[in-house]
N, C-alpha and C. Protein backbone atom coordinates (compact mmCIF):
# COMPACT_ATOMS: atom_id res chain seq x y z
N MET A 1 108.69 79.22 135.47
CA MET A 1 108.57 79.99 134.81
C MET A 1 109.19 79.39 133.20
N SER A 2 108.47 79.31 132.27
CA SER A 2 108.87 78.81 130.96
C SER A 2 109.80 80.12 130.15
N GLU A 3 110.51 79.59 129.45
CA GLU A 3 111.35 80.30 128.66
C GLU A 3 110.47 80.98 127.21
N LYS A 4 111.08 82.07 126.87
CA LYS A 4 110.48 82.51 125.77
C LYS A 4 110.80 81.64 124.38
N PRO A 5 109.96 81.73 123.65
CA PRO A 5 110.15 80.82 122.26
C PRO A 5 111.28 81.89 121.53
N VAL A 6 112.06 81.20 120.74
CA VAL A 6 113.22 81.92 120.02
C VAL A 6 113.06 81.92 118.94
N ILE A 7 113.49 82.79 118.06
CA ILE A 7 113.36 83.24 116.71
C ILE A 7 114.67 83.36 116.24
N PHE A 8 115.42 82.55 115.30
CA PHE A 8 116.78 82.69 114.93
C PHE A 8 116.66 83.43 113.74
N LEU A 9 117.54 84.53 113.77
CA LEU A 9 117.86 85.61 112.86
C LEU A 9 119.14 85.26 112.21
N SER A 10 118.92 84.80 110.79
CA SER A 10 120.17 84.42 110.09
C SER A 10 120.52 85.40 109.23
N HIS A 11 121.80 85.77 109.15
CA HIS A 11 122.32 87.05 108.22
C HIS A 11 123.64 86.99 108.07
N SER A 12 124.16 88.01 107.28
CA SER A 12 125.60 88.14 107.23
C SER A 12 125.99 89.27 108.17
N SER A 13 127.18 89.11 108.69
CA SER A 13 127.83 90.05 109.73
C SER A 13 127.90 91.39 109.17
N LYS A 14 127.98 91.35 107.93
CA LYS A 14 128.21 92.81 107.13
C LYS A 14 126.64 93.51 106.92
N ASP A 15 125.72 92.93 107.33
CA ASP A 15 124.53 93.43 107.42
C ASP A 15 123.90 93.83 108.78
N SER A 16 124.78 93.59 109.68
CA SER A 16 124.49 93.67 111.13
C SER A 16 123.80 95.00 111.82
N GLU A 17 124.27 95.94 111.14
CA GLU A 17 123.64 97.31 111.64
C GLU A 17 122.07 97.47 111.31
N ARG A 18 121.81 96.76 110.25
CA ARG A 18 120.31 96.74 109.86
C ARG A 18 119.57 95.65 110.55
N VAL A 19 120.26 94.52 110.82
CA VAL A 19 120.07 93.33 111.51
C VAL A 19 119.38 93.75 113.05
N ASN A 20 120.53 94.67 113.65
CA ASN A 20 120.23 94.85 114.72
C ASN A 20 118.94 95.63 115.19
N ILE A 21 118.74 96.55 114.14
CA ILE A 21 117.55 97.34 114.20
C ILE A 21 116.33 96.51 114.09
N LEU A 22 116.31 95.52 112.88
CA LEU A 22 115.16 94.35 112.94
C LEU A 22 115.02 93.61 114.27
N LYS A 23 115.87 93.32 114.69
CA LYS A 23 115.87 92.66 115.82
C LYS A 23 115.19 93.51 117.12
N GLN A 24 115.32 94.89 117.18
CA GLN A 24 114.48 95.84 118.02
C GLN A 24 113.17 95.81 117.59
N GLN A 25 113.01 95.73 116.18
CA GLN A 25 111.55 96.00 115.90
C GLN A 25 110.87 94.74 116.21
N ILE A 26 111.46 93.64 115.98
CA ILE A 26 110.53 92.53 116.14
C ILE A 26 110.28 92.32 117.88
N GLU A 27 111.31 92.80 118.73
CA GLU A 27 111.01 92.60 120.04
C GLU A 27 110.17 93.59 120.79
N THR A 28 110.22 94.61 119.92
CA THR A 28 109.23 95.75 120.14
C THR A 28 107.68 95.25 120.03
N VAL A 29 107.33 94.62 118.90
CA VAL A 29 106.20 94.05 118.63
C VAL A 29 106.07 92.61 119.36
N LEU A 30 106.88 91.94 119.43
CA LEU A 30 106.60 90.63 120.06
C LEU A 30 107.56 90.61 121.36
N ASP A 31 106.97 90.92 122.67
CA ASP A 31 107.63 90.86 123.82
C ASP A 31 107.43 89.36 124.35
N ASN A 32 106.79 88.55 123.64
CA ASN A 32 106.80 87.25 124.12
C ASN A 32 107.57 86.29 123.43
N VAL A 33 108.74 86.70 122.65
CA VAL A 33 109.82 86.02 122.26
C VAL A 33 111.18 86.54 122.43
N ARG A 34 112.25 85.76 122.00
CA ARG A 34 113.65 86.20 122.18
C ARG A 34 114.00 86.01 120.78
N VAL A 35 114.72 87.06 120.33
CA VAL A 35 115.21 86.83 118.92
C VAL A 35 116.87 86.60 119.01
N PHE A 36 117.40 85.60 118.49
CA PHE A 36 118.81 85.06 118.59
C PHE A 36 119.53 85.44 117.17
N GLU A 37 120.48 86.53 117.28
CA GLU A 37 121.21 86.86 116.42
C GLU A 37 122.56 86.94 116.69
N THR A 38 123.63 86.44 115.93
CA THR A 38 124.93 86.43 116.47
C THR A 38 125.74 87.55 116.36
N SER A 39 125.16 88.73 115.74
CA SER A 39 125.88 89.86 115.81
C SER A 39 125.47 90.98 117.05
N ASP A 40 124.46 90.38 117.89
CA ASP A 40 124.33 90.97 119.26
C ASP A 40 125.46 90.54 119.92
N SER A 41 126.20 91.47 120.45
CA SER A 41 127.29 91.27 121.32
C SER A 41 126.96 90.39 122.77
N GLU A 42 125.61 90.49 123.12
CA GLU A 42 125.17 89.68 124.02
C GLU A 42 124.41 88.15 123.85
N ALA A 43 124.60 87.96 122.57
CA ALA A 43 124.04 86.62 122.27
C ALA A 43 124.89 85.55 122.60
N ILE A 44 126.06 85.53 122.64
CA ILE A 44 126.87 84.39 122.92
C ILE A 44 127.64 84.86 124.04
N GLN A 45 127.77 84.40 125.15
CA GLN A 45 128.51 84.79 126.47
C GLN A 45 129.87 84.34 126.24
N ILE A 46 130.98 85.32 126.87
CA ILE A 46 132.13 85.16 126.62
C ILE A 46 132.58 83.73 127.32
N SER A 47 133.29 83.20 126.69
CA SER A 47 133.72 81.72 127.11
C SER A 47 133.00 80.53 126.75
N ASN A 48 131.78 80.96 126.10
CA ASN A 48 130.86 79.83 125.75
C ASN A 48 131.25 79.52 124.40
N GLU A 49 131.30 78.16 123.96
CA GLU A 49 131.65 77.70 122.70
C GLU A 49 130.27 78.25 121.79
N TRP A 50 131.02 79.11 120.83
CA TRP A 50 129.89 79.72 120.00
C TRP A 50 129.34 79.05 118.93
N LEU A 51 129.85 77.80 118.48
CA LEU A 51 129.36 76.84 117.76
C LEU A 51 127.99 76.09 118.45
N LYS A 52 128.49 75.61 119.71
CA LYS A 52 127.35 74.96 120.49
C LYS A 52 126.14 76.00 120.73
N ASP A 53 126.36 77.30 120.81
CA ASP A 53 125.43 78.09 121.02
C ASP A 53 124.54 78.31 119.92
N ILE A 54 125.14 78.42 118.82
CA ILE A 54 124.42 78.65 117.53
C ILE A 54 123.72 77.34 117.16
N LEU A 55 124.25 76.10 117.30
CA LEU A 55 123.51 74.99 117.21
C LEU A 55 122.16 74.83 117.88
N PHE A 56 122.45 75.08 119.19
CA PHE A 56 121.48 74.73 120.19
C PHE A 56 120.33 75.98 119.95
N ASN A 57 120.68 77.23 119.61
CA ASN A 57 119.36 78.13 119.08
C ASN A 57 118.81 77.59 117.84
N LEU A 58 119.56 77.04 116.90
CA LEU A 58 118.86 76.50 115.71
C LEU A 58 117.84 75.29 116.06
N GLU A 59 118.61 74.59 116.97
CA GLU A 59 117.58 73.37 117.20
C GLU A 59 116.28 73.69 118.04
N THR A 60 116.35 74.71 118.85
CA THR A 60 115.39 75.15 119.78
C THR A 60 114.36 76.31 119.24
N SER A 61 114.92 76.85 118.15
CA SER A 61 114.10 78.13 117.75
C SER A 61 112.75 77.98 117.00
N HIS A 62 111.77 78.72 117.33
CA HIS A 62 110.48 78.39 116.56
C HIS A 62 110.25 78.88 115.52
N ALA A 63 111.26 79.61 114.79
CA ALA A 63 110.92 80.27 113.26
C ALA A 63 112.48 80.65 113.04
N LEU A 64 112.55 80.79 111.65
CA LEU A 64 113.68 81.18 111.24
C LEU A 64 113.57 82.46 110.15
N ILE A 65 114.25 83.46 110.49
CA ILE A 65 114.30 84.70 109.69
C ILE A 65 115.68 84.77 108.94
N VAL A 66 115.51 84.83 107.73
CA VAL A 66 116.90 84.84 106.70
C VAL A 66 116.68 86.28 106.39
N VAL A 67 117.83 87.17 106.48
CA VAL A 67 117.94 88.35 105.90
C VAL A 67 118.64 88.28 104.53
N VAL A 68 118.07 88.22 103.64
CA VAL A 68 118.67 88.15 102.08
C VAL A 68 119.15 89.22 101.67
N SER A 69 120.78 89.21 101.40
CA SER A 69 121.31 90.46 101.03
C SER A 69 122.40 89.78 100.06
N SER A 70 123.27 90.76 99.18
CA SER A 70 124.32 90.15 98.41
C SER A 70 125.27 89.26 99.23
N THR A 71 125.39 90.10 100.41
CA THR A 71 126.45 89.00 101.34
C THR A 71 126.04 87.87 101.92
N SER A 72 124.77 88.02 102.46
CA SER A 72 123.93 86.67 102.94
C SER A 72 124.26 85.37 101.76
N LYS A 73 123.95 85.76 100.64
CA LYS A 73 124.05 84.90 99.46
C LYS A 73 125.34 84.11 99.51
N ILE A 74 126.22 84.62 99.84
CA ILE A 74 127.62 84.03 99.61
C ILE A 74 128.13 83.69 101.09
N SER A 75 127.47 83.70 102.28
CA SER A 75 128.13 83.51 103.47
C SER A 75 127.86 82.05 103.64
N THR A 76 128.90 81.34 103.90
CA THR A 76 128.81 79.80 104.39
C THR A 76 127.94 79.55 105.69
N TRP A 77 127.88 80.61 106.67
CA TRP A 77 127.24 80.17 107.83
C TRP A 77 125.59 80.56 107.55
N VAL A 78 125.24 81.49 106.65
CA VAL A 78 123.87 81.54 106.50
C VAL A 78 123.18 80.51 105.67
N ASN A 79 124.18 80.04 104.73
CA ASN A 79 123.82 78.91 103.88
C ASN A 79 123.78 77.58 105.07
N PHE A 80 124.50 77.57 105.67
CA PHE A 80 124.50 76.45 106.80
C PHE A 80 123.31 76.60 107.80
N GLU A 81 122.93 77.62 108.17
CA GLU A 81 121.74 77.86 109.15
C GLU A 81 120.47 77.47 108.37
N ILE A 82 120.45 77.89 107.04
CA ILE A 82 119.28 77.49 106.35
C ILE A 82 119.22 76.01 105.91
N GLY A 83 120.14 75.53 105.99
CA GLY A 83 120.08 74.00 105.61
C GLY A 83 119.95 73.09 106.64
N TYR A 84 120.33 73.68 107.84
CA TYR A 84 120.02 73.11 109.27
C TYR A 84 118.58 73.16 109.66
N PHE A 85 118.17 74.26 109.43
CA PHE A 85 116.71 74.62 109.68
C PHE A 85 115.68 73.79 108.62
N TRP A 86 116.25 73.77 107.63
CA TRP A 86 115.28 73.08 106.49
C TRP A 86 115.24 71.59 106.68
N LYS A 87 116.43 70.96 107.13
CA LYS A 87 116.57 69.70 107.40
C LYS A 87 115.76 69.24 108.79
N ARG A 88 115.77 70.14 109.66
CA ARG A 88 115.21 70.14 110.92
C ARG A 88 113.57 69.91 110.28
N ASN A 89 112.77 70.68 109.73
CA ASN A 89 111.53 70.66 109.09
C ASN A 89 111.22 69.36 108.37
N GLU A 90 112.27 68.84 107.47
CA GLU A 90 112.07 67.67 107.02
C GLU A 90 112.04 66.55 108.14
N ASP A 91 112.57 66.67 109.15
CA ASP A 91 112.44 65.50 110.01
C ASP A 91 111.05 65.66 110.74
N ARG A 92 110.67 66.84 111.14
CA ARG A 92 109.31 67.38 111.44
C ARG A 92 108.21 66.51 110.68
N ARG A 93 108.46 66.85 109.33
CA ARG A 93 107.60 66.37 108.58
C ARG A 93 107.41 64.92 108.58
N GLY A 94 108.57 64.30 108.50
CA GLY A 94 108.60 62.76 108.64
C GLY A 94 107.99 62.16 110.00
N GLN A 95 107.88 62.93 110.98
CA GLN A 95 107.42 62.55 112.26
C GLN A 95 105.87 63.12 112.10
N GLY A 96 105.54 63.66 111.34
CA GLY A 96 103.89 64.13 111.10
C GLY A 96 103.76 65.52 112.12
N VAL A 97 104.86 65.89 112.39
CA VAL A 97 104.79 67.38 113.33
C VAL A 97 104.78 68.44 112.32
N LYS A 98 104.08 69.59 112.84
CA LYS A 98 104.01 70.77 111.94
C LYS A 98 105.22 71.44 111.73
N GLU A 99 105.47 71.77 110.49
CA GLU A 99 106.93 72.53 110.12
C GLU A 99 107.00 73.91 110.92
N LEU A 100 108.02 74.45 110.94
CA LEU A 100 108.33 75.76 111.61
C LEU A 100 108.35 76.98 110.34
N PRO A 101 107.88 78.05 110.74
CA PRO A 101 108.06 78.94 109.63
C PRO A 101 109.66 79.19 109.29
N ILE A 102 109.98 79.68 107.84
CA ILE A 102 110.86 80.39 107.63
C ILE A 102 110.61 81.70 106.59
N TYR A 103 111.02 82.87 107.26
CA TYR A 103 110.65 83.96 106.64
C TYR A 103 111.89 84.57 105.97
N PRO A 104 112.06 84.64 104.58
CA PRO A 104 113.02 85.32 103.71
C PRO A 104 112.54 86.76 103.93
N LEU A 105 113.53 87.79 104.48
CA LEU A 105 113.61 89.34 104.10
C LEU A 105 114.35 89.63 103.37
N CYS A 106 114.10 90.16 102.18
CA CYS A 106 115.04 90.88 101.09
C CYS A 106 115.59 92.11 101.55
N LEU A 107 116.69 92.40 101.56
CA LEU A 107 117.53 93.69 101.92
C LEU A 107 117.88 94.29 100.62
N ASN A 108 117.66 95.51 100.30
CA ASN A 108 117.97 96.19 99.09
C ASN A 108 117.45 95.47 97.79
N ASN A 109 116.31 94.99 97.93
CA ASN A 109 115.91 94.45 96.79
C ASN A 109 116.58 93.18 96.20
N GLU A 110 117.20 92.68 97.02
CA GLU A 110 118.04 91.53 96.74
C GLU A 110 116.88 90.38 96.51
N PRO A 111 116.92 89.59 95.40
CA PRO A 111 116.19 88.43 95.35
C PRO A 111 116.67 87.07 96.36
N ALA A 112 115.52 86.35 96.64
CA ALA A 112 116.01 85.32 97.48
C ALA A 112 116.77 84.23 96.46
N PHE A 113 117.36 83.38 97.42
CA PHE A 113 118.61 82.48 96.68
C PHE A 113 118.38 81.03 97.22
N GLY A 114 118.84 80.09 96.46
CA GLY A 114 118.96 78.69 96.83
C GLY A 114 117.26 78.38 97.33
N ILE A 115 117.31 77.51 98.19
CA ILE A 115 116.24 77.00 98.49
C ILE A 115 115.02 77.89 98.93
N LEU A 116 115.55 79.23 99.57
CA LEU A 116 114.67 80.17 99.83
C LEU A 116 113.68 80.78 98.52
N GLN A 117 114.06 80.23 97.46
CA GLN A 117 113.42 80.73 96.23
C GLN A 117 111.81 79.90 96.01
N THR A 118 111.75 79.14 96.80
CA THR A 118 110.54 78.25 96.87
C THR A 118 109.53 78.75 97.93
N ILE A 119 110.16 79.75 98.69
CA ILE A 119 109.03 80.30 99.69
C ILE A 119 108.88 81.85 99.68
N GLN A 120 107.65 82.37 99.75
CA GLN A 120 107.57 83.59 99.43
C GLN A 120 108.22 84.58 100.53
N SER A 121 109.06 85.48 99.92
CA SER A 121 109.65 86.37 100.60
C SER A 121 109.02 87.76 100.61
N LYS A 122 109.36 88.59 101.47
CA LYS A 122 109.12 89.97 101.58
C LYS A 122 110.06 91.10 101.70
N SER A 123 110.01 91.97 101.36
CA SER A 123 111.04 93.14 101.28
C SER A 123 111.41 93.91 102.45
N LEU A 124 112.67 94.01 103.16
CA LEU A 124 112.67 94.91 104.21
C LEU A 124 112.83 96.36 103.80
N ASP A 125 112.80 96.86 102.37
CA ASP A 125 112.75 98.07 102.07
C ASP A 125 111.37 98.71 101.75
N LYS A 126 110.46 98.00 101.90
CA LYS A 126 109.07 98.47 101.54
C LYS A 126 108.04 98.22 102.86
N PRO A 127 107.53 99.23 103.32
CA PRO A 127 107.01 99.53 104.80
C PRO A 127 105.81 98.56 104.63
N LYS A 128 104.88 98.25 103.41
CA LYS A 128 103.76 97.61 103.23
C LYS A 128 104.23 95.99 103.36
N ASP A 129 105.35 95.62 102.64
CA ASP A 129 105.82 94.42 102.78
C ASP A 129 106.12 94.06 104.29
N PHE A 130 106.92 94.96 104.96
CA PHE A 130 107.44 94.90 106.29
C PHE A 130 106.47 94.66 107.39
N LYS A 131 105.28 95.30 107.08
CA LYS A 131 103.98 95.44 107.87
C LYS A 131 103.25 94.14 107.88
N SER A 132 103.45 93.73 106.42
CA SER A 132 102.68 92.32 106.19
C SER A 132 103.49 91.17 107.00
N PHE A 133 105.01 91.24 106.74
CA PHE A 133 105.80 90.24 107.65
C PHE A 133 105.43 90.31 108.98
N LEU A 134 105.53 91.58 109.63
CA LEU A 134 105.17 91.43 111.25
C LEU A 134 104.02 91.19 111.48
N SER A 135 102.69 91.53 110.87
CA SER A 135 101.57 90.61 111.12
C SER A 135 101.58 89.18 111.00
N THR A 136 102.09 88.75 109.96
CA THR A 136 102.13 87.33 109.98
C THR A 136 103.10 86.79 111.00
N LEU A 137 104.02 87.23 111.41
CA LEU A 137 104.80 86.72 112.60
C LEU A 137 104.09 86.94 113.97
N CYS A 138 103.56 88.25 114.16
CA CYS A 138 102.47 88.33 115.31
C CYS A 138 101.38 87.00 115.25
N SER A 139 100.83 86.81 114.24
CA SER A 139 99.41 85.73 114.10
C SER A 139 100.41 84.41 114.68
N TYR A 140 101.58 84.03 113.97
CA TYR A 140 102.12 82.75 114.32
C TYR A 140 102.43 82.71 115.90
N PHE A 141 102.93 83.86 116.61
CA PHE A 141 103.09 83.97 118.06
C PHE A 141 101.93 84.31 118.90
N ASN A 142 100.88 84.24 118.35
CA ASN A 142 99.72 84.53 119.17
C ASN A 142 99.74 85.91 119.70
N LYS A 143 100.04 86.93 119.04
CA LYS A 143 100.12 88.29 119.44
C LYS A 143 99.02 88.86 118.79
N ASP A 144 98.05 89.73 119.31
CA ASP A 144 97.06 90.68 118.87
C ASP A 144 97.64 91.75 117.82
N VAL A 145 97.48 91.73 116.60
CA VAL A 145 98.12 92.70 115.70
C VAL A 145 97.49 94.00 115.87
N ASP A 146 96.15 94.02 116.20
CA ASP A 146 95.44 95.31 116.41
C ASP A 146 95.97 96.18 117.37
N GLN A 147 96.87 95.79 118.38
CA GLN A 147 97.18 96.32 119.50
C GLN A 147 98.57 97.14 119.22
N ILE A 148 99.06 96.66 118.21
CA ILE A 148 100.48 97.24 117.79
C ILE A 148 100.36 98.67 117.04
N ASN A 149 101.41 99.37 117.59
CA ASN A 149 101.42 100.87 116.68
C ASN A 149 102.57 100.64 115.92
N PHE A 150 102.23 100.50 114.54
CA PHE A 150 103.21 100.38 113.62
C PHE A 150 104.32 101.47 113.46
N GLU A 151 103.68 102.54 113.75
CA GLU A 151 104.48 103.69 113.40
C GLU A 151 105.59 103.82 114.33
N ASP A 152 105.43 103.22 115.61
CA ASP A 152 106.39 103.36 116.62
C ASP A 152 107.55 102.25 116.24
N VAL A 153 107.04 101.19 115.69
CA VAL A 153 107.93 100.33 115.10
C VAL A 153 108.78 100.67 113.99
N PHE A 154 108.25 101.33 113.01
CA PHE A 154 108.74 101.88 111.73
C PHE A 154 109.96 102.98 112.09
N ALA A 155 109.46 103.69 113.15
CA ALA A 155 110.32 104.68 113.69
C ALA A 155 111.67 104.32 113.97
N LEU A 156 111.77 103.21 114.54
CA LEU A 156 113.08 102.58 114.70
C LEU A 156 114.12 102.55 113.68
N TYR A 157 113.56 102.76 112.38
CA TYR A 157 114.33 102.65 111.24
C TYR A 157 114.07 103.86 110.24
N LYS A 158 114.63 105.05 110.62
CA LYS A 158 114.62 106.01 109.83
C LYS A 158 115.83 106.59 109.59
N PRO A 159 115.86 107.78 108.75
CA PRO A 159 117.28 108.36 108.54
C PRO A 159 118.27 108.60 109.72
N GLU A 160 117.55 109.00 110.75
CA GLU A 160 118.41 109.24 111.72
C GLU A 160 119.03 108.00 112.53
N SER A 161 118.75 106.83 111.97
CA SER A 161 119.21 105.83 112.73
C SER A 161 120.46 105.41 111.91
N SER A 162 121.07 106.56 111.05
CA SER A 162 122.48 106.43 110.28
C SER A 162 122.44 105.35 109.18
N LEU A 163 121.12 105.00 108.83
CA LEU A 163 121.22 103.77 107.80
C LEU A 163 121.00 104.54 106.33
N ILE A 164 121.92 105.28 106.02
CA ILE A 164 121.82 105.72 104.57
C ILE A 164 123.08 105.57 103.80
N ILE A 165 122.59 104.91 102.80
CA ILE A 165 123.60 104.67 101.66
C ILE A 165 123.77 105.81 100.66
N GLY A 166 124.87 106.28 100.67
CA GLY A 166 125.19 107.50 99.84
C GLY A 166 124.33 108.72 100.59
N LYS A 167 123.24 109.22 99.50
CA LYS A 167 122.44 110.18 99.97
C LYS A 167 120.98 109.69 100.05
N HIS A 168 120.83 108.50 100.01
CA HIS A 168 119.30 107.77 99.80
C HIS A 168 119.07 107.01 101.15
N ASN A 169 117.95 107.15 101.47
CA ASN A 169 117.61 106.55 102.71
C ASN A 169 116.90 105.16 102.41
N LEU A 170 117.40 104.08 102.89
CA LEU A 170 116.97 102.56 102.43
C LEU A 170 115.41 102.49 102.86
N TRP A 171 115.03 103.04 103.67
CA TRP A 171 113.53 103.01 104.02
C TRP A 171 112.52 103.44 102.92
N ASP A 172 112.81 104.91 102.59
CA ASP A 172 111.77 105.10 101.59
C ASP A 172 112.45 105.37 99.98
N ARG A 173 113.66 105.13 99.74
CA ARG A 173 114.32 105.34 98.69
C ARG A 173 114.10 106.71 98.11
N LYS A 174 113.93 107.76 98.67
CA LYS A 174 113.94 108.91 98.02
C LYS A 174 115.07 109.67 98.57
N PRO A 175 115.66 110.63 97.72
CA PRO A 175 116.61 111.51 98.21
C PRO A 175 116.19 112.46 99.18
N PRO A 176 117.15 112.87 100.04
CA PRO A 176 116.78 113.76 100.77
C PRO A 176 116.32 114.98 100.44
N LYS A 177 115.86 115.85 101.08
CA LYS A 177 115.38 117.22 100.50
C LYS A 177 116.37 118.08 99.94
N ASN A 178 116.44 118.94 99.09
CA ASN A 178 117.40 119.80 98.64
C ASN A 178 118.42 119.13 97.90
N GLU A 179 118.48 117.80 97.64
CA GLU A 179 119.37 117.15 96.96
C GLU A 179 118.86 116.40 95.72
N PRO A 180 119.59 116.69 94.71
CA PRO A 180 119.20 116.36 93.34
C PRO A 180 119.39 114.85 93.25
N ARG A 181 118.63 114.22 92.37
CA ARG A 181 118.55 112.84 92.12
C ARG A 181 119.73 112.46 91.41
N SER A 182 120.34 111.11 91.70
CA SER A 182 121.64 111.09 90.93
C SER A 182 121.45 110.04 90.01
């Protein structure tokens, strides 16, 4: 039995709450892949050399998702992971092998940075963008998009998931009912 293809999810640890939900959303839609993200307490087993695990997953992943945020922009590790994957794609181009996709997903309307500015990004804050991203990801991993109930996937990320900044839900950017706009 072959292993599932890996998606490497690069992010700042400060965004781990939203990233964990993103991982659940992807794995709900794509049961034929494994998402590797270092904020997941089970991603790297106790006593493993974490750098070796990260490099192994970067080297064997089939796609890279980068969660773009104000903290990921200044993260040494996020920039390292992007650079490593970018170099891997350069090596593939030199060998005449198809490049692997890189998906920048912007959190809190943060613009892409560095080399990611050369790639079309999508917003994690806009359901239309997020659905487009999931559809693209499904196509790449040969999953029939018509069989996906996007409402179930979106339901994983709602106000009850405690991802509210101040009084505003990150998903729809509207203040809760009976609350004045600030």
